[in-house]
Amino acid sequence: METYKESYRYLENAKEILRTKAKKEGKFYDDAKYVRMACNTAYSGLLIALNDFFRQKGVVMPKQKSKRKQAVNVDFYKQNLAKINKTKLKEFNEAYSYLHLYGGYDGSLLVDTSKNGLSLAQSIIEWIDKQMN
């Protein structure tokens, strides 16, 4: 499906940002700006896949107060994943922490933080892809 290609593209863009802009030095990156950018990009890709997955499963998306594409509360994702697959819920919780909180907000310079978040997001997107094909 096209949505999954888009999600994978977001992940690849995030990896490219980390590889070329964040300036890796051993276990750490040097530039928090690019870590934030990469983690937010990867998290957005994950949400794109989840939004489409839930729509195709018949889950009613909450009405958005703004025109922003991904203005859905994280609890919506957690509640609906809990009904479908508890393991993927655990992965989502961790991906949310690594990508959105530690990477996106805090700009964690630890390489393993963004690496773990990207790996979890990819695992969820691949699972969604298999579920829908």
C-alpha atoms as a PDB file:
ATOM      1  CA  MET A   1       0.000   0.000   0.000  1.00  0.00           C
ATOM      2  CA  GLU A   2       1.108   3.535  -0.648  1.00  0.00           C
ATOM      3  CA  THR A   3       0.780   4.572   2.991  1.00  0.00           C
ATOM      4  CA  TYR A   4       3.353   2.006   4.055  1.00  0.00           C
ATOM      5  CA  LYS A   5       5.753   3.170   1.376  1.00  0.00           C
ATOM      6  CA  GLU A   6       5.346   6.654   2.811  1.00  0.00           C
ATOM      7  CA  SER A   7       5.986   5.363   6.344  1.00  0.00           C
ATOM      8  CA  TYR A   8       9.137   3.566   5.209  1.00  0.00           C
ATOM      9  CA  ARG A   9      10.234   6.733   3.414  1.00  0.00           C
ATOM     10  CA  TYR A  10       9.907   8.681   6.660  1.00  0.00           C
ATOM     11  CA  LEU A  11      12.080   6.097   8.440  1.00  0.00           C
ATOM     12  CA  GLU A  12      14.707   6.258   5.713  1.00  0.00           C
ATOM     13  CA  ASN A  13      14.683  10.059   5.885  1.00  0.00           C
ATOM     14  CA  ALA A  14      15.198   9.881   9.657  1.00  0.00           C
ATOM     15  CA  LYS A  15      18.147   7.514   9.244  1.00  0.00           C
ATOM     16  CA  GLU A  16      19.642   9.786   6.595  1.00  0.00           C
ATOM     17  CA  ILE A  17      19.358  12.828   8.869  1.00  0.00           C
ATOM     18  CA  LEU A  18      21.153  10.990  11.659  1.00  0.00           C
ATOM     19  CA  ARG A  19      23.798   9.615   9.307  1.00  0.00           C
ATOM     20  CA  THR A  20      24.611  12.878   7.527  1.00  0.00           C
ATOM     21  CA  LYS A  21      23.673  15.731   9.854  1.00  0.00           C
ATOM     22  CA  ALA A  22      23.763  14.675  13.526  1.00  0.00           C
ATOM     23  CA  LYS A  23      27.550  14.064  13.527  1.00  0.00           C
ATOM     24  CA  LYS A  24      28.025  10.780  15.359  1.00  0.00           C
ATOM     25  CA  GLU A  25      31.020  10.621  17.697  1.00  0.00           C
ATOM     26  CA  GLY A  26      31.256   7.188  19.311  1.00  0.00           C
ATOM     27  CA  LYS A  27      28.163   6.586  21.457  1.00  0.00           C
ATOM     28  CA  PHE A  28      26.820  10.110  21.018  1.00  0.00           C
ATOM     29  CA  TYR A  29      25.632  12.560  18.395  1.00  0.00           C
ATOM     30  CA  ASP A  30      26.930  16.116  18.463  1.00  0.00           C
ATOM     31  CA  ASP A  31      23.873  18.024  17.245  1.00  0.00           C
ATOM     32  CA  ALA A  32      20.591  17.752  19.160  1.00  0.00           C
ATOM     33  CA  LYS A  33      18.754  19.763  16.497  1.00  0.00           C
ATOM     34  CA  TYR A  34      19.175  16.978  13.956  1.00  0.00           C
ATOM     35  CA  VAL A  35      18.461  14.245  16.486  1.00  0.00           C
ATOM     36  CA  ARG A  36      15.146  15.969  17.237  1.00  0.00           C
ATOM     37  CA  MET A  37      14.411  16.312  13.537  1.00  0.00           C
ATOM     38  CA  ALA A  38      15.183  12.655  12.823  1.00  0.00           C
ATOM     39  CA  CYS A  39      13.211  11.307  15.783  1.00  0.00           C
ATOM     40  CA  ASN A  40      10.185  13.457  14.982  1.00  0.00           C
ATOM     41  CA  THR A  41      10.353  12.304  11.357  1.00  0.00           C
ATOM     42  CA  ALA A  42      10.441   8.630  12.361  1.00  0.00           C
ATOM     43  CA  TYR A  43       7.608   9.102  14.859  1.00  0.00           C
ATOM     44  CA  SER A  44       5.494  10.816  12.198  1.00  0.00           C
ATOM     45  CA  GLY A  45       6.061   7.881   9.863  1.00  0.00           C
ATOM     46  CA  LEU A  46       4.891   5.498  12.577  1.00  0.00           C
ATOM     47  CA  LEU A  47       1.717   7.530  13.149  1.00  0.00           C
ATOM     48  CA  ILE A  48       0.960   7.625   9.427  1.00  0.00           C
ATOM     49  CA  ALA A  49       1.063   3.824   9.325  1.00  0.00           C
ATOM     50  CA  LEU A  50      -1.041   3.474  12.482  1.00  0.00           C
ATOM     51  CA  ASN A  51      -3.655   5.954  11.275  1.00  0.00           C
ATOM     52  CA  ASP A  52      -4.129   4.042   8.047  1.00  0.00           C
ATOM     53  CA  PHE A  53      -4.105   0.682   9.842  1.00  0.00           C
ATOM     54  CA  PHE A  54      -6.820   1.775  12.261  1.00  0.00           C
ATOM     55  CA  ARG A  55      -8.964   3.214   9.461  1.00  0.00           C
ATOM     56  CA  GLN A  56      -8.723  -0.049   7.538  1.00  0.00           C
ATOM     57  CA  LYS A  57      -9.630  -1.989  10.679  1.00  0.00           C
ATOM     58  CA  GLY A  58     -12.761   0.142  11.070  1.00  0.00           C
ATOM     59  CA  VAL A  59     -11.529   2.095  14.070  1.00  0.00           C
ATOM     60  CA  VAL A  60     -13.232   5.474  14.151  1.00  0.00           C
ATOM     61  CA  MET A  61     -10.630   8.202  14.231  1.00  0.00           C
ATOM     62  CA  PRO A  62     -11.377  10.967  16.739  1.00  0.00           C
ATOM     63  CA  LYS A  63     -12.522  14.293  15.392  1.00  0.00           C
ATOM     64  CA  GLN A  64      -9.648  16.673  15.188  1.00  0.00           C
ATOM     65  CA  LYS A  65      -9.932  20.193  16.518  1.00  0.00           C
ATOM     66  CA  SER A  66      -7.358  21.441  14.055  1.00  0.00           C
ATOM     67  CA  LYS A  67      -6.387  20.667  10.491  1.00  0.00           C
ATOM     68  CA  ARG A  68      -3.114  19.108  11.564  1.00  0.00           C
ATOM     69  CA  LYS A  69      -2.830  15.582  10.230  1.00  0.00           C
ATOM     70  CA  GLN A  70      -1.550  13.944  13.377  1.00  0.00           C
ATOM     71  CA  ALA A  71      -3.285  15.904  16.122  1.00  0.00           C
ATOM     72  CA  VAL A  72      -4.619  12.703  17.730  1.00  0.00           C
ATOM     73  CA  ASN A  73      -3.826  12.085  21.407  1.00  0.00           C
ATOM     74  CA  VAL A  74      -1.327   9.287  22.070  1.00  0.00           C
ATOM     75  CA  ASP A  75      -3.878   7.560  24.322  1.00  0.00           C
ATOM     76  CA  PHE A  76      -5.984   6.852  21.227  1.00  0.00           C
ATOM     77  CA  TYR A  77      -3.145   4.801  19.750  1.00  0.00           C
ATOM     78  CA  LYS A  78      -2.476   3.009  23.025  1.00  0.00           C
ATOM     79  CA  GLN A  79      -6.123   2.110  23.638  1.00  0.00           C
ATOM     80  CA  ASN A  80      -6.664   0.771  20.133  1.00  0.00           C
ATOM     81  CA  LEU A  81      -3.407  -1.152  19.941  1.00  0.00           C
ATOM     82  CA  ALA A  82      -4.262  -2.751  23.306  1.00  0.00           C
ATOM     83  CA  LYS A  83      -7.394  -4.186  21.695  1.00  0.00           C
ATOM     84  CA  ILE A  84      -5.480  -5.588  18.709  1.00  0.00           C
ATOM     85  CA  ASN A  85      -2.034  -6.715  19.880  1.00  0.00           C
ATOM     86  CA  LYS A  86      -0.494  -6.288  23.356  1.00  0.00           C
ATOM     87  CA  THR A  87       3.044  -6.929  22.116  1.00  0.00           C
ATOM     88  CA  LYS A  88       2.768  -4.146  19.542  1.00  0.00           C
ATOM     89  CA  LEU A  89       1.330  -1.917  22.267  1.00  0.00           C
ATOM     90  CA  LYS A  90       4.494  -2.478  24.314  1.00  0.00           C
ATOM     91  CA  GLU A  91       6.618  -1.698  21.269  1.00  0.00           C
ATOM     92  CA  PHE A  92       4.582   1.437  20.576  1.00  0.00           C
ATOM     93  CA  ASN A  93       4.970   2.617  24.182  1.00  0.00           C
ATOM     94  CA  GLU A  94       8.728   2.265  23.901  1.00  0.00           C
ATOM     95  CA  ALA A  95       8.876   3.827  20.421  1.00  0.00           C
ATOM     96  CA  TYR A  96       6.842   6.753  21.773  1.00  0.00           C
ATOM     97  CA  SER A  97       9.311   7.201  24.630  1.00  0.00           C
ATOM     98  CA  TYR A  98      12.450   6.873  22.518  1.00  0.00           C
ATOM     99  CA  LEU A  99      11.330   8.838  19.475  1.00  0.00           C
ATOM    100  CA  HIS A 100       8.800  11.372  20.688  1.00  0.00           C
ATOM    101  CA  LEU A 101       9.918  12.091  24.243  1.00  0.00           C
ATOM    102  CA  TYR A 102      13.650  11.358  24.526  1.00  0.00           C
ATOM    103  CA  GLY A 103      14.579  12.107  20.926  1.00  0.00           C
ATOM    104  CA  GLY A 104      11.968  14.600  19.766  1.00  0.00           C
ATOM    105  CA  TYR A 105      11.594  16.683  22.919  1.00  0.00           C
ATOM    106  CA  ASP A 106      14.788  16.088  24.860  1.00  0.00           C
ATOM    107  CA  GLY A 107      17.125  15.756  21.889  1.00  0.00           C
ATOM    108  CA  SER A 108      18.944  12.857  23.569  1.00  0.00           C
ATOM    109  CA  LEU A 109      22.404  12.625  22.067  1.00  0.00           C
ATOM    110  CA  LEU A 110      22.863   8.953  22.955  1.00  0.00           C
ATOM    111  CA  VAL A 111      23.012   6.995  19.689  1.00  0.00           C
ATOM    112  CA  ASP A 112      21.235   3.988  21.204  1.00  0.00           C
ATOM    113  CA  THR A 113      18.172   6.098  22.041  1.00  0.00           C
ATOM    114  CA  SER A 114      17.373   6.987  18.437  1.00  0.00           C
ATOM    115  CA  LYS A 115      18.588   3.601  17.187  1.00  0.00           C
ATOM    116  CA  ASN A 116      16.181   1.762  19.516  1.00  0.00           C
ATOM    117  CA  GLY A 117      13.316   4.073  18.590  1.00  0.00           C
ATOM    118  CA  LEU A 118      13.884   3.609  14.860  1.00  0.00           C
ATOM    119  CA  SER A 119      14.093  -0.152  15.273  1.00  0.00           C
ATOM    120  CA  LEU A 120      10.808  -0.279  17.200  1.00  0.00           C
ATOM    121  CA  ALA A 121       9.038   1.961  14.679  1.00  0.00           C
ATOM    122  CA  GLN A 122      10.260  -0.206  11.821  1.00  0.00           C
ATOM    123  CA  SER A 123       9.076  -3.352  13.593  1.00  0.00           C
ATOM    124  CA  ILE A 124       5.581  -1.927  14.039  1.00  0.00           C
ATOM    125  CA  ILE A 125       5.357  -0.644  10.465  1.00  0.00           C
ATOM    126  CA  GLU A 126       6.505  -3.999   9.084  1.00  0.00           C
ATOM    127  CA  TRP A 127       3.897  -5.766  11.239  1.00  0.00           C
ATOM    128  CA  ILE A 128       1.181  -3.418   9.970  1.00  0.00           C
ATOM    129  CA  ASP A 129       2.331  -3.979   6.408  1.00  0.00           C
ATOM    130  CA  LYS A 130       2.015  -7.770   6.846  1.00  0.00           C
ATOM    131  CA  GLN A 131      -1.408  -7.432   8.503  1.00  0.00           C
ATOM    132  CA  MET A 132      -2.794  -5.432   5.617  1.00  0.00           C
ATOM    133  CA  ASN A 133      -1.287  -7.420   2.728  1.00  0.00           C
END
